Amino acid sequence: MATLDPSHRAAFEAAKGFMPLDEGLALHAAAGDAAARLPGLPLLEVGTYCGRSTILLAAAARAARTVAVTVDHHRGSEEQQPGWEYHDKELVDPEVGLMDTLPTFRRTLHAAGLEDDVIAVAGRSPQVAAVWGRPVALVFIDGGHTDEHATADYEGWAPHVAPDGLLVVHDVFPDPADGGQAPYRVYRRALDSGAFTEVSVTRSLRVLRRTGPGI
């Protein structure tokens, strides 16, 4: 199992974001595993926010001599808009009055020393997925948590997971009392497709391996 460098762990813990350490370490381990088994293929994340989880994929990518790709429109998901629970007014661009997490994300990568290990795509996930042209070793879905957005992320990116690659879904809560159900429904859909087999569970983080066709 890949070990997270102490400097990268410190950068992860200092970055803005919501992923707890145990789930982060599980994501880093999955990324390291996928990159080692599928050399040369990139690791891809949907939902960058301020780059907290990107640090983990970038660290794994550096160790495997590949690259991490992170996709986000950087205007914030539904729950991050003004008046909602996860809104951070420090991330609002005063000139346009909209969320803009891109500058903070870039500072996060700079502080972690991982800028050269990441390709940042500023765009909407379905549009990027539609023009993406190669398989990936890992897809990490952690974008918008409505059914519309989670489903679009799954439908857009799951087909790009290489055979024996990993699909990782965050914020999977089987009990509706614990959180929104859209990521859970995507996770169930992946399992029910027959294309993916679950390999690990760390709280709300689910790691699935592509073991067949049928997405």
N, C-alpha and C. Protein backbone atom coordinates (compact mmCIF):
# COMPACT_ATOMS: atom_id res chain seq x y z
N MET A 1 0.84 -1.20 0.00
CA MET A 1 0.00 0.00 0.00
C MET A 1 0.88 1.25 0.00
N ALA A 2 0.54 2.23 -0.87
CA ALA A 2 1.29 3.46 -0.94
C ALA A 2 1.13 4.26 0.35
N THR A 3 2.24 4.83 0.82
CA THR A 3 2.23 5.65 2.02
C THR A 3 2.21 7.12 1.62
N LEU A 4 1.33 7.88 2.25
CA LEU A 4 1.23 9.30 1.95
C LEU A 4 2.37 10.05 2.62
N ASP A 5 3.14 10.79 1.82
CA ASP A 5 4.25 11.58 2.34
C ASP A 5 3.76 12.54 3.42
N PRO A 6 4.50 12.69 4.52
CA PRO A 6 4.04 13.58 5.59
C PRO A 6 3.76 15.01 5.13
N SER A 7 4.54 15.52 4.17
CA SER A 7 4.29 16.88 3.70
C SER A 7 2.98 16.97 2.93
N HIS A 8 2.64 15.92 2.19
CA HIS A 8 1.38 15.91 1.46
C HIS A 8 0.20 15.71 2.42
N ARG A 9 0.41 14.91 3.45
CA ARG A 9 -0.64 14.77 4.46
C ARG A 9 -0.90 16.10 5.15
N ALA A 10 0.15 16.83 5.47
CA ALA A 10 -0.01 18.14 6.12
C ALA A 10 -0.74 19.10 5.19
N ALA A 11 -0.40 19.06 3.90
CA ALA A 11 -1.07 19.94 2.93
C ALA A 11 -2.55 19.57 2.81
N PHE A 12 -2.84 18.29 2.80
CA PHE A 12 -4.23 17.82 2.76
C PHE A 12 -5.00 18.34 3.97
N GLU A 13 -4.43 18.20 5.14
CA GLU A 13 -5.14 18.60 6.36
C GLU A 13 -5.30 20.11 6.44
N ALA A 14 -4.42 20.87 5.79
CA ALA A 14 -4.50 22.33 5.82
C ALA A 14 -5.45 22.89 4.77
N ALA A 15 -5.78 22.10 3.76
CA ALA A 15 -6.58 22.61 2.64
C ALA A 15 -8.06 22.72 3.01
N LYS A 16 -8.73 23.68 2.37
CA LYS A 16 -10.18 23.77 2.51
C LYS A 16 -10.82 22.52 1.91
N GLY A 17 -11.86 22.04 2.54
CA GLY A 17 -12.56 20.88 2.01
C GLY A 17 -13.25 20.12 3.11
N PHE A 18 -13.87 19.00 2.74
CA PHE A 18 -14.75 18.29 3.65
C PHE A 18 -14.37 16.83 3.89
N MET A 19 -13.41 16.31 3.13
CA MET A 19 -13.06 14.89 3.28
C MET A 19 -12.26 14.65 4.54
N PRO A 20 -12.71 13.74 5.42
CA PRO A 20 -11.94 13.41 6.62
C PRO A 20 -10.70 12.59 6.28
N LEU A 21 -9.78 12.55 7.23
CA LEU A 21 -8.48 11.92 6.97
C LEU A 21 -8.61 10.44 6.63
N ASP A 22 -9.44 9.69 7.34
CA ASP A 22 -9.49 8.24 7.07
C ASP A 22 -9.99 7.96 5.66
N GLU A 23 -10.99 8.71 5.20
CA GLU A 23 -11.46 8.53 3.83
C GLU A 23 -10.40 9.00 2.83
N GLY A 24 -9.69 10.06 3.19
CA GLY A 24 -8.62 10.53 2.33
C GLY A 24 -7.51 9.52 2.15
N LEU A 25 -7.12 8.89 3.24
CA LEU A 25 -6.08 7.86 3.15
C LEU A 25 -6.55 6.67 2.33
N ALA A 26 -7.83 6.34 2.43
CA ALA A 26 -8.38 5.25 1.61
C ALA A 26 -8.38 5.62 0.14
N LEU A 27 -8.70 6.87 -0.17
CA LEU A 27 -8.66 7.34 -1.55
C LEU A 27 -7.24 7.30 -2.09
N HIS A 28 -6.29 7.75 -1.29
CA HIS A 28 -4.89 7.73 -1.73
C HIS A 28 -4.42 6.30 -1.98
N ALA A 29 -4.81 5.39 -1.11
CA ALA A 29 -4.42 3.98 -1.29
C ALA A 29 -5.02 3.41 -2.57
N ALA A 30 -6.29 3.75 -2.84
CA ALA A 30 -6.93 3.26 -4.06
C ALA A 30 -6.25 3.83 -5.29
N ALA A 31 -5.90 5.11 -5.24
CA ALA A 31 -5.23 5.75 -6.37
C ALA A 31 -3.87 5.12 -6.62
N GLY A 32 -3.13 4.86 -5.53
CA GLY A 32 -1.84 4.22 -5.68
C GLY A 32 -1.95 2.83 -6.25
N ASP A 33 -2.95 2.08 -5.82
CA ASP A 33 -3.17 0.72 -6.32
C ASP A 33 -3.51 0.74 -7.80
N ALA A 34 -4.45 1.61 -8.19
CA ALA A 34 -4.86 1.67 -9.59
C ALA A 34 -3.70 2.10 -10.48
N ALA A 35 -2.94 3.10 -10.04
CA ALA A 35 -1.83 3.60 -10.85
C ALA A 35 -0.74 2.55 -11.01
N ALA A 36 -0.52 1.76 -9.97
CA ALA A 36 0.52 0.73 -10.05
C ALA A 36 0.10 -0.43 -10.95
N ARG A 37 -1.16 -0.78 -10.93
CA ARG A 37 -1.63 -1.91 -11.73
C ARG A 37 -1.86 -1.55 -13.19
N LEU A 38 -2.12 -0.26 -13.45
CA LEU A 38 -2.41 0.20 -14.81
C LEU A 38 -1.46 1.34 -15.16
N PRO A 39 -0.18 1.01 -15.31
CA PRO A 39 0.83 2.05 -15.50
C PRO A 39 0.57 2.91 -16.73
N GLY A 40 0.80 4.20 -16.55
CA GLY A 40 0.66 5.14 -17.65
C GLY A 40 -0.70 5.75 -17.81
N LEU A 41 -1.72 5.14 -17.18
CA LEU A 41 -3.06 5.70 -17.29
C LEU A 41 -3.27 6.77 -16.22
N PRO A 42 -3.99 7.84 -16.53
CA PRO A 42 -4.20 8.91 -15.55
C PRO A 42 -5.22 8.52 -14.48
N LEU A 43 -5.18 9.30 -13.41
CA LEU A 43 -6.17 9.22 -12.34
C LEU A 43 -7.07 10.44 -12.48
N LEU A 44 -8.38 10.27 -12.43
CA LEU A 44 -9.28 11.38 -12.72
C LEU A 44 -10.28 11.61 -11.60
N GLU A 45 -10.47 12.88 -11.28
CA GLU A 45 -11.38 13.30 -10.22
C GLU A 45 -12.45 14.21 -10.81
N VAL A 46 -13.70 13.97 -10.41
CA VAL A 46 -14.81 14.86 -10.75
C VAL A 46 -15.22 15.58 -9.47
N GLY A 47 -15.02 16.88 -9.43
CA GLY A 47 -15.33 17.67 -8.24
C GLY A 47 -14.07 18.08 -7.51
N THR A 48 -13.47 19.19 -7.94
CA THR A 48 -12.18 19.64 -7.41
C THR A 48 -12.33 20.43 -6.12
N TYR A 49 -13.32 21.34 -6.09
CA TYR A 49 -13.50 22.32 -5.03
C TYR A 49 -12.18 23.08 -4.84
N CYS A 50 -11.57 22.99 -3.67
CA CYS A 50 -10.33 23.73 -3.41
C CYS A 50 -9.08 22.85 -3.45
N GLY A 51 -9.23 21.60 -3.87
CA GLY A 51 -8.06 20.76 -4.11
C GLY A 51 -7.64 19.85 -2.97
N ARG A 52 -8.45 19.73 -1.94
CA ARG A 52 -8.07 18.87 -0.81
C ARG A 52 -7.84 17.44 -1.26
N SER A 53 -8.81 16.86 -1.96
CA SER A 53 -8.64 15.47 -2.41
C SER A 53 -7.70 15.38 -3.61
N THR A 54 -7.57 16.45 -4.37
CA THR A 54 -6.65 16.44 -5.51
C THR A 54 -5.23 16.16 -5.04
N ILE A 55 -4.86 16.66 -3.88
CA ILE A 55 -3.53 16.40 -3.33
C ILE A 55 -3.27 14.91 -3.27
N LEU A 56 -4.26 14.14 -2.86
CA LEU A 56 -4.09 12.70 -2.69
C LEU A 56 -3.88 12.00 -4.03
N LEU A 57 -4.67 12.38 -5.03
CA LEU A 57 -4.49 11.78 -6.36
C LEU A 57 -3.17 12.21 -6.97
N ALA A 58 -2.80 13.46 -6.78
CA ALA A 58 -1.54 13.96 -7.33
C ALA A 58 -0.35 13.26 -6.70
N ALA A 59 -0.40 13.04 -5.40
CA ALA A 59 0.71 12.34 -4.73
C ALA A 59 0.85 10.92 -5.25
N ALA A 60 -0.29 10.24 -5.44
CA ALA A 60 -0.25 8.89 -5.99
C ALA A 60 0.24 8.90 -7.43
N ALA A 61 -0.20 9.90 -8.19
CA ALA A 61 0.24 10.01 -9.59
C ALA A 61 1.74 10.23 -9.69
N ARG A 62 2.27 11.10 -8.83
CA ARG A 62 3.71 11.36 -8.85
C ARG A 62 4.49 10.08 -8.57
N ALA A 63 4.06 9.33 -7.58
CA ALA A 63 4.77 8.10 -7.22
C ALA A 63 4.76 7.09 -8.35
N ALA A 64 3.69 7.10 -9.15
CA ALA A 64 3.55 6.14 -10.25
C ALA A 64 3.99 6.71 -11.60
N ARG A 65 4.47 7.95 -11.58
CA ARG A 65 4.92 8.62 -12.80
C ARG A 65 3.81 8.73 -13.84
N THR A 66 2.65 9.09 -13.34
CA THR A 66 1.52 9.40 -14.23
C THR A 66 1.00 10.77 -13.84
N VAL A 67 -0.24 11.06 -14.13
CA VAL A 67 -0.78 12.38 -13.87
C VAL A 67 -2.19 12.27 -13.30
N ALA A 68 -2.57 13.24 -12.50
CA ALA A 68 -3.94 13.35 -12.01
C ALA A 68 -4.66 14.43 -12.81
N VAL A 69 -5.90 14.14 -13.18
CA VAL A 69 -6.75 15.11 -13.88
C VAL A 69 -7.93 15.42 -12.99
N THR A 70 -8.23 16.70 -12.83
CA THR A 70 -9.35 17.07 -11.97
C THR A 70 -10.28 17.99 -12.73
N VAL A 71 -11.58 17.70 -12.69
CA VAL A 71 -12.59 18.39 -13.50
C VAL A 71 -13.58 19.10 -12.60
N ASP A 72 -13.77 20.39 -12.85
CA ASP A 72 -14.72 21.17 -12.05
C ASP A 72 -14.99 22.48 -12.78
N HIS A 73 -16.23 22.98 -12.69
CA HIS A 73 -16.52 24.31 -13.25
C HIS A 73 -16.12 25.42 -12.29
N HIS A 74 -15.83 25.07 -11.05
CA HIS A 74 -15.30 25.99 -10.03
C HIS A 74 -16.29 27.09 -9.64
N ARG A 75 -17.57 26.90 -9.89
CA ARG A 75 -18.59 27.84 -9.43
C ARG A 75 -19.35 27.30 -8.22
N GLY A 76 -18.91 26.17 -7.70
CA GLY A 76 -19.53 25.61 -6.50
C GLY A 76 -20.75 24.78 -6.80
N SER A 77 -20.94 23.72 -6.03
CA SER A 77 -22.13 22.89 -6.19
C SER A 77 -23.31 23.52 -5.44
N GLU A 78 -24.45 22.86 -5.48
CA GLU A 78 -25.68 23.44 -4.97
C GLU A 78 -25.56 23.86 -3.51
N GLU A 79 -25.00 22.97 -2.68
CA GLU A 79 -24.96 23.22 -1.25
C GLU A 79 -23.91 24.25 -0.85
N GLN A 80 -23.13 24.74 -1.83
CA GLN A 80 -22.10 25.74 -1.55
C GLN A 80 -22.51 27.16 -1.96
N GLN A 81 -23.74 27.30 -2.44
CA GLN A 81 -24.21 28.61 -2.86
C GLN A 81 -24.66 29.44 -1.65
N PRO A 82 -24.74 30.76 -1.79
CA PRO A 82 -25.16 31.62 -0.67
C PRO A 82 -26.48 31.16 -0.06
N GLY A 83 -26.49 31.13 1.27
CA GLY A 83 -27.68 30.72 1.99
C GLY A 83 -27.74 29.24 2.31
N TRP A 84 -26.80 28.46 1.79
CA TRP A 84 -26.77 27.02 2.04
C TRP A 84 -25.69 26.67 3.06
N GLU A 85 -25.79 25.45 3.55
CA GLU A 85 -24.98 25.02 4.70
C GLU A 85 -23.48 25.12 4.46
N TYR A 86 -23.03 24.78 3.27
CA TYR A 86 -21.58 24.69 3.02
C TYR A 86 -21.04 25.91 2.26
N HIS A 87 -21.77 27.01 2.31
CA HIS A 87 -21.29 28.22 1.65
C HIS A 87 -20.12 28.83 2.41
N ASP A 88 -19.10 29.23 1.66
CA ASP A 88 -17.93 29.90 2.22
C ASP A 88 -17.79 31.24 1.50
N LYS A 89 -18.11 32.31 2.18
CA LYS A 89 -18.12 33.62 1.53
C LYS A 89 -16.73 34.05 1.08
N GLU A 90 -15.68 33.45 1.64
CA GLU A 90 -14.32 33.78 1.20
C GLU A 90 -14.05 33.32 -0.22
N LEU A 91 -14.90 32.41 -0.73
CA LEU A 91 -14.69 31.86 -2.07
C LEU A 91 -15.54 32.56 -3.13
N VAL A 92 -16.20 33.65 -2.79
CA VAL A 92 -16.99 34.41 -3.75
C VAL A 92 -16.09 35.44 -4.43
N ASP A 93 -16.13 35.48 -5.75
CA ASP A 93 -15.41 36.49 -6.51
C ASP A 93 -16.20 37.80 -6.41
N PRO A 94 -15.67 38.82 -5.74
CA PRO A 94 -16.44 40.05 -5.53
C PRO A 94 -16.74 40.79 -6.82
N GLU A 95 -15.95 40.55 -7.86
CA GLU A 95 -16.16 41.27 -9.11
C GLU A 95 -17.38 40.77 -9.86
N VAL A 96 -17.62 39.45 -9.81
CA VAL A 96 -18.75 38.88 -10.55
C VAL A 96 -19.86 38.39 -9.62
N GLY A 97 -19.57 38.30 -8.32
CA GLY A 97 -20.58 37.88 -7.37
C GLY A 97 -20.90 36.41 -7.37
N LEU A 98 -20.00 35.60 -7.92
CA LEU A 98 -20.22 34.15 -8.00
C LEU A 98 -19.08 33.42 -7.29
N MET A 99 -19.36 32.19 -6.89
CA MET A 99 -18.32 31.33 -6.33
C MET A 99 -17.21 31.14 -7.36
N ASP A 100 -15.98 31.14 -6.89
CA ASP A 100 -14.84 30.83 -7.76
C ASP A 100 -13.77 30.16 -6.91
N THR A 101 -13.74 28.83 -6.97
CA THR A 101 -12.78 28.07 -6.16
C THR A 101 -11.45 27.86 -6.87
N LEU A 102 -11.33 28.28 -8.12
CA LEU A 102 -10.12 28.01 -8.89
C LEU A 102 -8.87 28.67 -8.29
N PRO A 103 -8.90 29.94 -7.89
CA PRO A 103 -7.69 30.52 -7.30
C PRO A 103 -7.24 29.80 -6.03
N THR A 104 -8.19 29.44 -5.17
CA THR A 104 -7.83 28.73 -3.94
C THR A 104 -7.26 27.35 -4.27
N PHE A 105 -7.85 26.68 -5.24
CA PHE A 105 -7.33 25.38 -5.69
C PHE A 105 -5.87 25.50 -6.14
N ARG A 106 -5.57 26.54 -6.91
CA ARG A 106 -4.20 26.69 -7.40
C ARG A 106 -3.23 26.94 -6.24
N ARG A 107 -3.69 27.71 -5.25
CA ARG A 107 -2.83 27.94 -4.09
C ARG A 107 -2.62 26.64 -3.31
N THR A 108 -3.65 25.82 -3.25
CA THR A 108 -3.55 24.53 -2.55
C THR A 108 -2.48 23.66 -3.19
N LEU A 109 -2.51 23.54 -4.50
CA LEU A 109 -1.51 22.71 -5.19
C LEU A 109 -0.11 23.29 -5.06
N HIS A 110 -0.02 24.61 -5.12
CA HIS A 110 1.29 25.25 -4.96
C HIS A 110 1.87 24.95 -3.58
N ALA A 111 1.03 25.08 -2.55
CA ALA A 111 1.50 24.83 -1.18
C ALA A 111 1.93 23.38 -1.00
N ALA A 112 1.28 22.47 -1.72
CA ALA A 112 1.61 21.04 -1.62
C ALA A 112 2.80 20.67 -2.50
N GLY A 113 3.23 21.56 -3.39
CA GLY A 113 4.32 21.25 -4.30
C GLY A 113 3.95 20.25 -5.37
N LEU A 114 2.67 20.25 -5.78
CA LEU A 114 2.18 19.22 -6.69
C LEU A 114 1.61 19.79 -7.99
N GLU A 115 1.93 21.03 -8.31
CA GLU A 115 1.35 21.65 -9.50
C GLU A 115 1.70 20.89 -10.77
N ASP A 116 2.90 20.34 -10.85
CA ASP A 116 3.33 19.68 -12.08
C ASP A 116 2.72 18.29 -12.26
N ASP A 117 2.00 17.81 -11.24
CA ASP A 117 1.44 16.46 -11.30
C ASP A 117 -0.06 16.45 -11.59
N VAL A 118 -0.61 17.64 -11.89
CA VAL A 118 -2.06 17.76 -12.05
C VAL A 118 -2.38 18.52 -13.33
N ILE A 119 -3.36 18.01 -14.06
CA ILE A 119 -3.99 18.75 -15.16
C ILE A 119 -5.37 19.18 -14.66
N ALA A 120 -5.58 20.47 -14.54
CA ALA A 120 -6.86 20.99 -14.06
C ALA A 120 -7.72 21.39 -15.25
N VAL A 121 -8.91 20.82 -15.33
CA VAL A 121 -9.85 21.14 -16.40
C VAL A 121 -11.00 21.94 -15.80
N ALA A 122 -11.14 23.18 -16.24
CA ALA A 122 -12.22 24.03 -15.75
C ALA A 122 -13.38 23.93 -16.73
N GLY A 123 -14.33 23.08 -16.41
CA GLY A 123 -15.47 22.86 -17.29
C GLY A 123 -16.48 21.97 -16.61
N ARG A 124 -17.63 21.84 -17.21
CA ARG A 124 -18.69 21.00 -16.63
C ARG A 124 -18.44 19.54 -16.99
N SER A 125 -18.61 18.71 -16.00
CA SER A 125 -18.25 17.30 -16.11
C SER A 125 -18.83 16.60 -17.35
N PRO A 126 -20.13 16.70 -17.64
CA PRO A 126 -20.64 15.97 -18.81
C PRO A 126 -20.01 16.43 -20.12
N GLN A 127 -19.73 17.73 -20.23
CA GLN A 127 -19.12 18.23 -21.46
C GLN A 127 -17.70 17.71 -21.62
N VAL A 128 -16.95 17.69 -20.53
CA VAL A 128 -15.58 17.19 -20.60
C VAL A 128 -15.58 15.69 -20.90
N ALA A 129 -16.46 14.95 -20.22
CA ALA A 129 -16.53 13.50 -20.43
C ALA A 129 -16.86 13.17 -21.89
N ALA A 130 -17.69 13.99 -22.50
CA ALA A 130 -18.12 13.72 -23.88
C ALA A 130 -16.98 13.83 -24.88
N VAL A 131 -15.95 14.61 -24.55
CA VAL A 131 -14.83 14.76 -25.49
C VAL A 131 -13.57 14.04 -25.00
N TRP A 132 -13.67 13.37 -23.86
CA TRP A 132 -12.51 12.65 -23.33
C TRP A 132 -12.25 11.41 -24.19
N GLY A 133 -10.98 11.13 -24.48
CA GLY A 133 -10.71 10.11 -25.48
C GLY A 133 -9.81 8.96 -25.08
N ARG A 134 -9.61 8.71 -23.78
CA ARG A 134 -8.73 7.60 -23.41
C ARG A 134 -9.19 6.99 -22.09
N PRO A 135 -8.81 5.73 -21.82
CA PRO A 135 -9.18 5.11 -20.54
C PRO A 135 -8.40 5.71 -19.39
N VAL A 136 -8.94 5.57 -18.20
CA VAL A 136 -8.29 6.05 -16.99
C VAL A 136 -8.19 4.91 -15.98
N ALA A 137 -7.20 5.01 -15.11
CA ALA A 137 -7.00 3.96 -14.10
C ALA A 137 -7.99 4.08 -12.97
N LEU A 138 -8.43 5.31 -12.69
CA LEU A 138 -9.34 5.55 -11.58
C LEU A 138 -10.20 6.76 -11.88
N VAL A 139 -11.48 6.66 -11.57
CA VAL A 139 -12.39 7.80 -11.58
C VAL A 139 -12.93 7.98 -10.17
N PHE A 140 -12.78 9.18 -9.64
CA PHE A 140 -13.29 9.53 -8.32
C PHE A 140 -14.44 10.51 -8.50
N ILE A 141 -15.65 10.09 -8.15
CA ILE A 141 -16.85 10.92 -8.31
C ILE A 141 -17.16 11.61 -6.99
N ASP A 142 -17.02 12.95 -7.01
CA ASP A 142 -17.30 13.74 -5.81
C ASP A 142 -17.75 15.14 -6.22
N GLY A 143 -18.63 15.19 -7.22
CA GLY A 143 -19.12 16.46 -7.71
C GLY A 143 -20.45 16.83 -7.08
N GLY A 144 -21.36 17.37 -7.90
CA GLY A 144 -22.68 17.74 -7.39
C GLY A 144 -23.44 16.54 -6.87
N HIS A 145 -24.21 16.75 -5.81
CA HIS A 145 -24.87 15.64 -5.13
C HIS A 145 -26.37 15.55 -5.39
N THR A 146 -26.85 16.26 -6.42
CA THR A 146 -28.22 16.02 -6.85
C THR A 146 -28.23 14.77 -7.74
N ASP A 147 -29.41 14.18 -7.92
CA ASP A 147 -29.50 13.03 -8.81
C ASP A 147 -29.06 13.39 -10.22
N GLU A 148 -29.45 14.58 -10.68
CA GLU A 148 -29.08 15.00 -12.03
C GLU A 148 -27.57 15.01 -12.22
N HIS A 149 -26.86 15.63 -11.27
CA HIS A 149 -25.42 15.79 -11.44
C HIS A 149 -24.66 14.50 -11.16
N ALA A 150 -25.03 13.78 -10.10
CA ALA A 150 -24.34 12.54 -9.79
C ALA A 150 -24.53 11.51 -10.92
N THR A 151 -25.75 11.45 -11.46
CA THR A 151 -26.02 10.52 -12.55
C THR A 151 -25.22 10.90 -13.79
N ALA A 152 -25.17 12.20 -14.10
CA ALA A 152 -24.41 12.65 -15.27
C ALA A 152 -22.92 12.34 -15.11
N ASP A 153 -22.40 12.49 -13.88
CA ASP A 153 -20.99 12.17 -13.65
C ASP A 153 -20.74 10.68 -13.86
N TYR A 154 -21.63 9.86 -13.34
CA TYR A 154 -21.46 8.41 -13.51
C TYR A 154 -21.57 8.02 -14.97
N GLU A 155 -22.62 8.48 -15.64
CA GLU A 155 -22.82 8.09 -17.03
C GLU A 155 -21.72 8.62 -17.94
N GLY A 156 -21.16 9.79 -17.59
CA GLY A 156 -20.12 10.36 -18.41
C GLY A 156 -18.77 9.70 -18.24
N TRP A 157 -18.46 9.32 -16.98
CA TRP A 157 -17.09 8.89 -16.69
C TRP A 157 -16.91 7.40 -16.44
N ALA A 158 -17.91 6.70 -15.95
CA ALA A 158 -17.73 5.27 -15.68
C ALA A 158 -17.29 4.49 -16.92
N PRO A 159 -17.81 4.81 -18.12
CA PRO A 159 -17.34 4.08 -19.30
C PRO A 159 -15.85 4.26 -19.60
N HIS A 160 -15.24 5.30 -19.05
CA HIS A 160 -13.82 5.55 -19.30
C HIS A 160 -12.90 4.78 -18.34
N VAL A 161 -13.47 4.15 -17.32
CA VAL A 161 -12.65 3.36 -16.40
C VAL A 161 -12.12 2.13 -17.14
N ALA A 162 -10.82 1.97 -17.13
CA ALA A 162 -10.20 0.84 -17.83
C ALA A 162 -10.58 -0.48 -17.16
N PRO A 163 -10.57 -1.58 -17.91
CA PRO A 163 -10.75 -2.89 -17.26
C PRO A 163 -9.75 -3.06 -16.13
N ASP A 164 -10.24 -3.48 -14.98
CA ASP A 164 -9.47 -3.64 -13.75
C ASP A 164 -9.15 -2.30 -13.08
N GLY A 165 -9.67 -1.21 -13.64
CA GLY A 165 -9.52 0.10 -12.99
C GLY A 165 -10.54 0.27 -11.88
N LEU A 166 -10.46 1.41 -11.22
CA LEU A 166 -11.29 1.66 -10.03
C LEU A 166 -12.25 2.82 -10.25
N LEU A 167 -13.45 2.64 -9.72
CA LEU A 167 -14.44 3.71 -9.61
C LEU A 167 -14.63 3.96 -8.12
N VAL A 168 -14.40 5.20 -7.70
CA VAL A 168 -14.53 5.57 -6.29
C VAL A 168 -15.64 6.60 -6.16
N VAL A 169 -16.57 6.36 -5.25
CA VAL A 169 -17.71 7.25 -5.05
C VAL A 169 -17.69 7.75 -3.61
N HIS A 170 -17.80 9.06 -3.45
CA HIS A 170 -17.77 9.66 -2.12
C HIS A 170 -19.18 10.05 -1.67
N ASP A 171 -19.36 10.15 -0.36
CA ASP A 171 -20.62 10.55 0.27
C ASP A 171 -21.74 9.57 -0.03
N VAL A 172 -21.43 8.29 0.09
CA VAL A 172 -22.42 7.22 -0.08
C VAL A 172 -23.04 6.93 1.29
N PHE A 173 -24.33 7.24 1.42
CA PHE A 173 -25.03 7.05 2.69
C PHE A 173 -26.26 6.18 2.47
N PRO A 174 -26.19 4.90 2.83
CA PRO A 174 -27.36 4.03 2.67
C PRO A 174 -28.56 4.50 3.46
N ASP A 175 -28.34 5.12 4.63
CA ASP A 175 -29.43 5.63 5.47
C ASP A 175 -29.70 7.08 5.10
N PRO A 176 -30.90 7.41 4.63
CA PRO A 176 -31.20 8.80 4.26
C PRO A 176 -31.01 9.79 5.41
N ALA A 177 -31.06 9.33 6.63
CA ALA A 177 -30.87 10.22 7.77
C ALA A 177 -29.44 10.73 7.86
N ASP A 178 -28.51 10.03 7.20
CA ASP A 178 -27.10 10.41 7.28
C ASP A 178 -26.67 11.37 6.19
N GLY A 179 -27.43 11.46 5.11
CA GLY A 179 -27.03 12.35 4.03
C GLY A 179 -27.83 12.09 2.77
N GLY A 180 -27.56 12.91 1.74
CA GLY A 180 -28.27 12.80 0.47
C GLY A 180 -28.06 11.44 -0.19
N GLN A 181 -29.03 11.05 -0.99
CA GLN A 181 -29.05 9.70 -1.55
C GLN A 181 -28.52 9.58 -2.98
N ALA A 182 -28.25 10.70 -3.64
CA ALA A 182 -27.82 10.60 -5.04
C ALA A 182 -26.52 9.80 -5.20
N PRO A 183 -25.46 10.05 -4.41
CA PRO A 183 -24.27 9.21 -4.56
C PRO A 183 -24.53 7.74 -4.25
N TYR A 184 -25.42 7.48 -3.28
CA TYR A 184 -25.76 6.09 -2.96
C TYR A 184 -26.44 5.41 -4.15
N ARG A 185 -27.34 6.14 -4.81
CA ARG A 185 -28.01 5.56 -5.97
C ARG A 185 -27.04 5.30 -7.12
N VAL A 186 -26.06 6.18 -7.29
CA VAL A 186 -25.03 5.95 -8.32
C VAL A 186 -24.20 4.71 -7.96
N TYR A 187 -23.82 4.61 -6.71
CA TYR A 187 -23.06 3.45 -6.23
C TYR A 187 -23.84 2.15 -6.47
N ARG A 188 -25.14 2.15 -6.13
CA ARG A 188 -25.95 0.96 -6.35
C ARG A 188 -26.07 0.65 -7.85
N ARG A 189 -26.20 1.68 -8.65
CA ARG A 189 -26.31 1.48 -10.09
C ARG A 189 -25.05 0.83 -10.63
N ALA A 190 -23.89 1.28 -10.15
CA ALA A 190 -22.63 0.69 -10.60
C ALA A 190 -22.56 -0.79 -10.26
N LEU A 191 -22.94 -1.15 -9.03
CA LEU A 191 -22.92 -2.55 -8.63
C LEU A 191 -23.94 -3.37 -9.42
N ASP A 192 -25.13 -2.81 -9.59
CA ASP A 192 -26.19 -3.53 -10.28
C ASP A 192 -25.91 -3.72 -11.77
N SER A 193 -25.02 -2.90 -12.32
CA SER A 193 -24.69 -3.02 -13.74
C SER A 193 -23.94 -4.30 -14.05
N GLY A 194 -23.30 -4.89 -13.03
CA GLY A 194 -22.47 -6.06 -13.24
C GLY A 194 -21.08 -5.72 -13.72
N ALA A 195 -20.82 -4.44 -13.96
CA ALA A 195 -19.50 -4.03 -14.45
C ALA A 195 -18.50 -3.81 -13.32
N PHE A 196 -19.00 -3.61 -12.10
CA PHE A 196 -18.14 -3.25 -10.98
C PHE A 196 -18.38 -4.16 -9.78
N THR A 197 -17.29 -4.42 -9.05
CA THR A 197 -17.32 -5.21 -7.83
C THR A 197 -16.72 -4.37 -6.71
N GLU A 198 -17.37 -4.36 -5.57
CA GLU A 198 -16.88 -3.56 -4.45
C GLU A 198 -15.62 -4.19 -3.86
N VAL A 199 -14.63 -3.35 -3.58
CA VAL A 199 -13.39 -3.85 -2.99
C VAL A 199 -13.10 -3.26 -1.62
N SER A 200 -13.67 -2.09 -1.29
CA SER A 200 -13.44 -1.56 0.05
C SER A 200 -14.48 -0.50 0.40
N VAL A 201 -14.70 -0.35 1.72
CA VAL A 201 -15.62 0.66 2.27
C VAL A 201 -14.89 1.36 3.40
N THR A 202 -14.83 2.69 3.34
CA THR A 202 -14.29 3.49 4.44
C THR A 202 -15.29 4.60 4.72
N ARG A 203 -16.13 4.37 5.73
CA ARG A 203 -17.24 5.28 6.01
C ARG A 203 -18.04 5.56 4.74
N SER A 204 -18.05 6.79 4.23
CA SER A 204 -18.88 7.08 3.06
C SER A 204 -18.16 6.89 1.74
N LEU A 205 -16.93 6.40 1.78
CA LEU A 205 -16.14 6.21 0.56
C LEU A 205 -16.24 4.76 0.10
N ARG A 206 -16.66 4.56 -1.15
CA ARG A 206 -16.78 3.22 -1.72
C ARG A 206 -15.81 3.08 -2.88
N VAL A 207 -15.04 2.00 -2.88
CA VAL A 207 -14.09 1.71 -3.96
C VAL A 207 -14.57 0.47 -4.70
N LEU A 208 -14.78 0.61 -6.01
CA LEU A 208 -15.26 -0.48 -6.84
C LEU A 208 -14.25 -0.74 -7.95
N ARG A 209 -14.10 -1.99 -8.33
CA ARG A 209 -13.19 -2.36 -9.41
C ARG A 209 -14.00 -2.78 -10.64
N ARG A 210 -13.55 -2.32 -11.79
CA ARG A 210 -14.24 -2.72 -13.03
C ARG A 210 -13.83 -4.14 -13.39
N THR A 211 -14.79 -5.03 -13.33
CA THR A 211 -14.53 -6.44 -13.57
C THR A 211 -15.31 -6.99 -14.76
N GLY A 212 -16.08 -6.14 -15.43
CA GLY A 212 -16.84 -6.62 -16.56
C GLY A 212 -17.38 -5.48 -17.40
N PRO A 213 -18.03 -5.81 -18.54
CA PRO A 213 -18.67 -4.79 -19.38
C PRO A 213 -20.04 -4.43 -18.81
N GLY A 214 -20.82 -3.73 -19.55
CA GLY A 214 -22.22 -3.52 -19.18
C GLY A 214 -22.54 -2.22 -18.49
N ILE A 215 -21.65 -1.21 -18.57
CA ILE A 215 -21.95 0.07 -17.94
C ILE A 215 -23.07 0.77 -18.70
